[in-house]
Protein backbone atom coordinates (compact mmCIF):
# COMPACT_ATOMS: atom_id res chain seq x y z
CA MET A 1 4.05 -6.33 40.21
CA LYS A 2 2.26 -3.41 38.60
CA TYR A 3 5.15 -2.52 36.36
CA GLN A 4 8.76 -3.45 35.73
CA LEU A 5 11.44 -1.43 33.92
CA LEU A 6 14.45 -3.14 32.38
CA LEU A 7 17.48 -1.11 31.32
CA GLY A 8 19.55 -2.50 28.47
CA ASP A 9 19.56 -3.95 24.97
CA ALA A 10 16.12 -5.31 24.03
CA TYR A 11 17.42 -8.63 22.71
CA GLU A 12 19.51 -9.35 25.79
CA GLN A 13 16.77 -8.33 28.22
CA LEU A 14 14.19 -10.41 26.40
CA ARG A 15 16.43 -13.47 26.59
CA ARG A 16 16.26 -13.24 30.40
CA MET A 17 12.47 -13.20 30.45
CA LYS A 18 10.32 -16.25 31.08
CA SER A 19 8.72 -17.96 28.07
CA ARG A 20 4.98 -17.39 27.52
CA SER A 21 4.82 -14.76 30.26
CA VAL A 22 3.33 -11.86 28.27
CA GLN A 23 -0.15 -11.56 26.78
CA CYS A 24 0.31 -8.56 24.51
CA VAL A 25 3.19 -6.57 23.00
CA VAL A 26 2.67 -3.01 21.79
CA THR A 27 5.76 -1.29 20.53
CA SER A 28 7.30 1.22 18.14
CA PRO A 29 11.00 0.46 17.52
CA PRO A 30 13.35 3.27 16.49
CA TYR A 31 12.89 3.89 12.77
CA TRP A 32 15.87 3.15 10.55
CA GLY A 33 18.12 6.11 9.81
CA LEU A 34 15.85 8.77 11.29
CA ARG A 35 16.97 9.24 14.90
CA ASP A 36 20.29 9.03 16.69
CA TYR A 37 19.60 8.63 20.43
CA GLY A 38 23.27 8.85 21.33
CA VAL A 39 23.48 5.40 22.92
CA ASP A 40 25.95 2.67 21.97
CA GLY A 41 24.25 -0.35 20.44
CA GLN A 42 21.04 1.53 19.63
CA LEU A 43 18.66 0.16 17.02
CA GLY A 44 18.09 2.19 13.86
CA GLN A 45 21.70 3.05 13.04
CA GLU A 46 22.55 -0.14 11.13
CA SER A 47 24.54 0.30 7.94
CA SER A 48 21.71 -0.89 5.66
CA PRO A 49 17.96 -1.59 5.66
CA LYS A 50 18.74 -5.30 5.29
CA GLU A 51 20.81 -5.28 8.48
CA PHE A 52 18.09 -3.35 10.31
CA VAL A 53 15.39 -5.82 9.24
CA SER A 54 17.58 -8.78 10.20
CA LYS A 55 18.17 -7.31 13.66
CA LEU A 56 14.45 -6.74 14.21
CA VAL A 57 13.64 -10.31 13.17
CA ALA A 58 16.12 -11.59 15.77
CA ILE A 59 14.66 -9.36 18.49
CA PHE A 60 11.10 -10.40 17.67
CA SER A 61 12.05 -14.06 17.75
CA GLU A 62 12.60 -13.50 21.48
CA VAL A 63 9.37 -11.50 21.67
CA LYS A 64 7.61 -14.52 20.16
CA ARG A 65 9.11 -16.78 22.82
CA VAL A 66 7.94 -14.62 25.75
CA LEU A 67 4.50 -14.10 24.21
CA LYS A 68 1.71 -16.46 25.22
CA ASP A 69 0.38 -18.75 22.51
CA ASP A 70 -2.84 -16.72 22.20
CA GLY A 71 -1.02 -13.39 22.47
CA THR A 72 -0.76 -10.53 19.98
CA LEU A 73 1.98 -8.21 18.74
CA TRP A 74 1.08 -4.69 17.61
CA LEU A 75 4.02 -3.18 15.74
CA ASN A 76 4.20 0.48 14.69
CA LEU A 77 6.82 1.36 12.06
CA GLY A 78 7.52 4.40 9.93
CA ASP A 79 9.36 4.65 6.62
CA THR A 80 12.16 6.79 5.26
CA TYR A 81 13.62 7.98 1.97
CA VAL A 82 17.12 7.56 0.63
CA GLY A 83 18.98 10.78 1.36
CA SER A 84 15.94 12.18 3.14
CA ASN A 85 18.09 14.16 5.53
CA GLN A 86 19.25 16.94 3.25
CA SER A 87 20.93 18.80 6.10
CA ALA A 88 23.91 16.43 5.97
CA GLY A 89 27.07 18.39 5.30
CA GLN A 90 25.36 21.79 5.57
CA LYS A 91 25.78 24.64 8.02
CA VAL A 92 23.04 25.91 10.31
CA SER A 93 22.89 29.14 8.30
CA THR A 94 21.98 27.23 5.11
CA LEU A 95 19.16 25.14 6.59
CA SER A 96 15.53 25.81 5.76
CA THR A 97 13.19 27.15 8.44
CA VAL A 98 11.67 23.69 8.90
CA GLN A 99 15.11 22.05 9.20
CA LYS A 100 16.26 24.59 11.78
CA GLY A 101 13.38 23.50 13.98
CA ASN A 102 14.15 19.80 13.57
CA ARG A 103 16.59 18.28 16.05
CA GLY A 104 17.38 15.45 13.64
CA SER A 105 18.39 17.91 10.93
CA LEU A 106 20.60 19.84 13.34
CA HIS A 107 22.24 16.62 14.54
CA SER A 108 23.04 15.34 11.03
CA ILE A 109 25.11 18.42 10.24
CA LYS A 110 27.86 16.82 12.28
CA ARG A 111 27.11 13.19 11.40
CA ILE A 112 26.07 11.85 7.99
CA PRO A 113 22.92 9.71 8.50
CA VAL A 114 23.01 6.03 7.53
CA ASN A 115 20.16 6.51 5.02
CA TYR A 116 22.09 9.16 3.06
CA LYS A 117 23.11 6.48 0.53
CA VAL A 118 21.61 2.98 0.20
CA LEU A 119 23.12 0.31 -2.02
CA GLY A 120 20.78 -0.66 -4.85
CA LEU A 121 18.46 2.30 -4.36
CA LYS A 122 18.37 5.76 -5.90
CA PRO A 123 18.41 9.07 -4.04
CA LYS A 124 14.82 10.04 -3.07
CA ASP A 125 13.55 6.42 -3.28
CA LEU A 126 11.03 5.42 -0.61
CA ILE A 127 12.73 2.46 1.07
CA GLY A 128 9.68 0.49 2.23
CA ILE A 129 10.96 -0.42 5.69
CA PRO A 130 7.58 -1.27 7.32
CA TRP A 131 6.57 -3.86 4.73
CA SER A 132 10.10 -5.27 4.55
CA VAL A 133 9.91 -5.94 8.29
CA ALA A 134 6.34 -7.29 8.12
CA PHE A 135 7.21 -9.74 5.34
CA ALA A 136 10.41 -10.83 7.10
CA LEU A 137 8.46 -11.53 10.30
CA ARG A 138 5.88 -13.49 8.33
CA ASP A 139 8.66 -15.53 6.76
CA ALA A 140 10.02 -16.14 10.28
CA GLY A 141 6.74 -17.79 11.31
CA TRP A 142 4.56 -14.94 12.54
CA TYR A 143 0.96 -14.67 11.30
CA LEU A 144 0.56 -11.28 9.60
CA ARG A 145 -3.09 -10.62 10.43
CA SER A 146 -3.67 -6.97 9.59
CA ASP A 147 -2.05 -3.82 8.29
CA ILE A 148 -3.53 -0.78 10.01
CA ILE A 149 -3.17 2.74 8.70
CA TRP A 150 -2.54 5.32 11.38
CA TYR A 151 -3.81 8.49 9.70
CA LYS A 152 -2.43 11.63 11.33
CA THR A 153 -4.73 14.62 11.13
CA ASN A 154 -1.83 16.93 12.02
CA PRO A 155 1.30 15.43 10.41
CA MET A 156 4.78 16.88 10.70
CA VAL A 157 5.47 19.66 8.22
CA GLU A 158 7.71 18.56 5.36
CA SER A 159 9.61 20.92 3.08
CA VAL A 160 8.78 18.91 -0.07
CA ARG A 161 7.20 20.10 -3.31
CA ASP A 162 7.44 17.01 -5.51
CA ARG A 163 5.33 14.48 -3.53
CA PRO A 164 2.43 14.45 -1.04
CA THR A 165 3.22 15.18 2.60
CA LYS A 166 3.32 11.90 4.51
CA ALA A 167 0.37 11.74 6.88
CA HIS A 168 0.30 8.06 7.84
CA GLU A 169 2.25 5.22 9.41
CA TYR A 170 1.65 1.48 9.62
CA ILE A 171 0.63 -0.62 12.61
CA PHE A 172 0.87 -4.36 12.00
CA LEU A 173 -1.08 -6.94 13.98
CA LEU A 174 0.95 -10.18 14.22
CA THR A 175 0.27 -13.38 16.13
CA LYS A 176 1.99 -16.65 17.09
CA ARG A 177 -0.98 -18.86 16.24
CA LYS A 178 -3.93 -18.98 13.87
CA LYS A 179 -6.29 -18.48 16.82
CA TYR A 180 -5.59 -15.87 19.48
CA TYR A 181 -7.25 -13.62 22.03
CA TYR A 182 -8.96 -10.63 20.39
CA ASP A 183 -11.75 -8.66 22.05
CA GLN A 184 -13.71 -7.29 19.09
CA GLU A 185 -16.33 -5.61 21.24
CA ALA A 186 -13.80 -3.72 23.37
CA ILE A 187 -12.72 -1.61 20.39
CA ALA A 188 -15.94 -1.55 18.36
CA GLU A 189 -16.70 1.70 16.55
CA PRO A 190 -20.01 3.60 16.79
CA ILE A 191 -22.28 3.35 13.77
CA LYS A 192 -23.37 6.71 12.40
CA PRO A 193 -27.19 7.11 12.42
CA GLU A 194 -27.28 7.93 8.70
CA SER A 195 -25.31 4.77 7.90
CA LEU A 196 -27.72 2.67 9.94
CA LYS A 197 -30.67 4.14 8.06
CA ARG A 198 -29.07 3.41 4.71
CA GLY A 199 -28.34 -0.13 5.82
CA LYS A 200 -31.96 -0.88 6.60
CA ARG A 201 -33.31 0.03 3.17
CA GLY A 202 -34.60 -2.90 1.11
CA ALA A 203 -32.07 -5.25 -0.49
CA SER A 204 -29.15 -3.04 0.48
CA PHE A 205 -29.84 -3.99 4.08
CA HIS A 206 -28.54 -7.52 3.47
CA ARG A 207 -25.35 -6.23 1.89
CA TYR A 208 -24.87 -3.74 4.73
CA SER A 209 -25.42 -6.49 7.30
CA ALA A 210 -22.72 -8.59 5.64
CA LEU A 211 -20.36 -5.62 5.73
CA MET A 212 -21.04 -5.31 9.44
CA GLY A 213 -19.85 -8.88 9.86
CA HIS A 214 -23.30 -10.56 10.07
CA THR A 215 -24.66 -13.33 7.84
CA GLN A 216 -27.93 -12.91 5.97
CA LYS A 217 -29.34 -15.77 8.04
CA GLY A 218 -28.98 -13.64 11.14
CA THR A 219 -30.13 -10.39 9.55
CA ALA A 220 -33.58 -10.29 11.18
CA LYS A 221 -32.12 -10.98 14.61
CA TRP A 222 -29.48 -8.29 14.02
CA ALA A 223 -32.17 -5.78 13.04
CA ASP A 224 -34.11 -6.43 16.23
CA LYS A 225 -31.06 -5.63 18.33
CA ASN A 226 -30.61 -2.28 16.55
CA PRO A 227 -26.82 -2.22 17.05
CA THR A 228 -24.97 1.01 17.65
CA THR A 229 -21.45 -0.28 16.94
CA ARG A 230 -19.51 -2.00 14.16
CA ASN A 231 -16.23 -3.89 13.88
CA LYS A 232 -13.13 -1.70 14.20
CA ARG A 233 -11.87 -0.48 10.81
CA SER A 234 -8.25 -0.66 9.64
CA VAL A 235 -7.79 3.11 9.36
CA TRP A 236 -7.27 4.80 12.73
CA ILE A 237 -7.63 8.58 12.70
CA ILE A 238 -5.42 9.75 15.55
CA SER A 239 -3.73 13.12 15.84
CA LEU A 240 -0.19 13.63 17.04
CA LYS A 241 0.03 14.87 20.61
CA HIS A 242 2.57 17.36 21.89
CA SER A 243 4.95 15.67 24.31
CA LYS A 244 6.52 17.43 27.28
CA PHE A 245 9.04 14.59 27.65
CA GLU A 246 12.63 14.71 26.40
CA HIS A 247 12.05 12.09 23.75
CA TYR A 248 12.28 12.42 19.97
CA ALA A 249 9.32 10.24 19.02
CA THR A 250 6.40 9.80 21.40
CA PHE A 251 3.36 8.16 19.85
CA PRO A 252 -0.17 9.03 21.02
CA GLU A 253 -1.62 7.15 23.98
CA ASP A 254 -4.72 6.39 21.90
CA ILE A 255 -2.76 3.79 19.91
CA PRO A 256 -1.70 1.47 22.76
CA MET A 257 -5.11 2.00 24.38
CA ILE A 258 -6.81 0.41 21.38
CA CYS A 259 -4.27 -2.40 21.06
CA ILE A 260 -4.34 -3.30 24.75
CA LYS A 261 -8.14 -3.27 24.94
CA ALA A 262 -8.29 -5.65 21.97
CA GLY A 263 -5.47 -7.94 23.04
CA THR A 264 -5.82 -8.31 26.81
CA LYS A 265 -8.03 -8.69 29.86
CA LYS A 266 -7.59 -6.96 33.22
CA GLY A 267 -4.52 -8.25 35.03
CA ASP A 268 -2.72 -9.42 31.87
CA VAL A 269 0.91 -8.45 31.20
CA VAL A 270 1.70 -5.94 28.46
CA LEU A 271 5.25 -5.57 27.14
CA ASP A 272 7.00 -2.80 25.22
CA PRO A 273 10.59 -3.80 24.33
CA PHE A 274 11.30 -0.27 23.03
CA ALA A 275 9.50 1.62 25.76
CA GLY A 276 10.94 5.11 25.16
CA SER A 277 8.88 7.57 27.18
CA GLY A 278 6.62 4.79 28.51
CA THR A 279 3.37 5.58 26.70
CA THR A 280 2.44 1.90 26.26
CA LEU A 281 3.10 1.26 29.95
CA VAL A 282 0.96 4.23 30.99
CA ALA A 283 -1.91 2.94 28.86
CA ALA A 284 -1.53 -0.54 30.36
CA LEU A 285 -1.68 0.73 33.95
CA LYS A 286 -4.68 2.94 33.20
CA LEU A 287 -6.48 -0.14 31.86
CA ARG A 288 -5.51 -2.13 35.00
CA ARG A 289 -3.00 -4.35 33.23
CA LYS A 290 0.55 -5.08 34.33
CA ALA A 291 3.38 -3.53 32.34
CA ILE A 292 6.97 -4.35 31.43
CA GLY A 293 9.15 -1.84 29.61
CA ILE A 294 12.63 -2.26 28.14
CA ASP A 295 14.86 0.54 26.92
CA ILE A 296 18.57 0.96 26.25
CA ASN A 297 18.59 4.62 27.21
CA LYS A 298 19.21 5.19 30.95
CA LYS A 299 17.73 8.68 30.82
CA TYR A 300 14.44 7.44 29.40
CA VAL A 301 14.15 4.71 32.05
CA ASN A 302 15.12 6.74 35.13
CA ARG A 303 14.19 10.32 34.25
CA ILE A 304 11.08 9.84 32.14
CA MET A 305 9.39 6.45 32.53
CA ARG A 306 9.85 5.76 36.23
CA PRO A 307 8.65 9.21 37.46
CA ARG A 308 5.80 9.13 34.95
CA LEU A 309 4.56 5.73 36.11
CA GLU A 310 5.00 6.49 39.80
CA LYS A 311 3.03 9.72 39.41
CA LEU A 312 0.24 7.80 37.70
CA LEU A 313 0.07 5.18 40.45
CA LYS A 314 0.04 7.80 43.21
CA ALA A 315 -2.83 9.62 41.52
CA ALA A 316 -4.86 6.40 41.12
């Protein structure tokens, strides 16, 4: 098996999978209240953030079961504001230029989005979905190992004048156990020459060495090796890529590439329970891993993912 595609609800499909059969999970579930994919039972259209978080915790309990004990989960989540979709109840003629070019804004003219009003929150409040999910998963037994900032150099244009334009999302690294497989060297970052020079000056060299993850005891040995890389930082600068696929939210291939390199070896199984356009699966196959994708949308599975993966394998 090089890849396997499963059509249906993520929770139900996961329940049919064998326990401890997956080494790494890289996924980006539908964000709450931001997209309507037009499929019955879709995630992200729950009546409240609490219900959305609860549903994700249940789904990831099955992810935890199918994940190997030394496996990793890399979870990308975006946030939303109360009443963020101001196109609700409007006509096309009254939309701003930005809204007219946004399929979500056009869709919500006919259907009021679930985040239009949220009990207990005020209009324009940032809801805090990513951290709500991260804390809920931690409470459910997951180890919350890292919060990673995905900094977008070319974020989506927002028609806001009373707050900064959002240019980041979160990626959380979660694990089943205290110890797990993590290939630090596979995703190490290059050290800039000027930083290396600064690090070798006098007493500051010892502090720099510690920052690089080395003890002072091993400083001399480290200096002799003259390293060119350092441990991966928690801010990933990755630009959005234009997608030719009929999918609302395709994340850049660079993200799963990093996660899979860190969390797997060649031949390991990578899972995406919200596979969408199949970007995680493409990255897995390119890195000579096996891939399993789940999605509830038949069009995404048969018209986007399958042809995309088959084309990749034929070209290999």
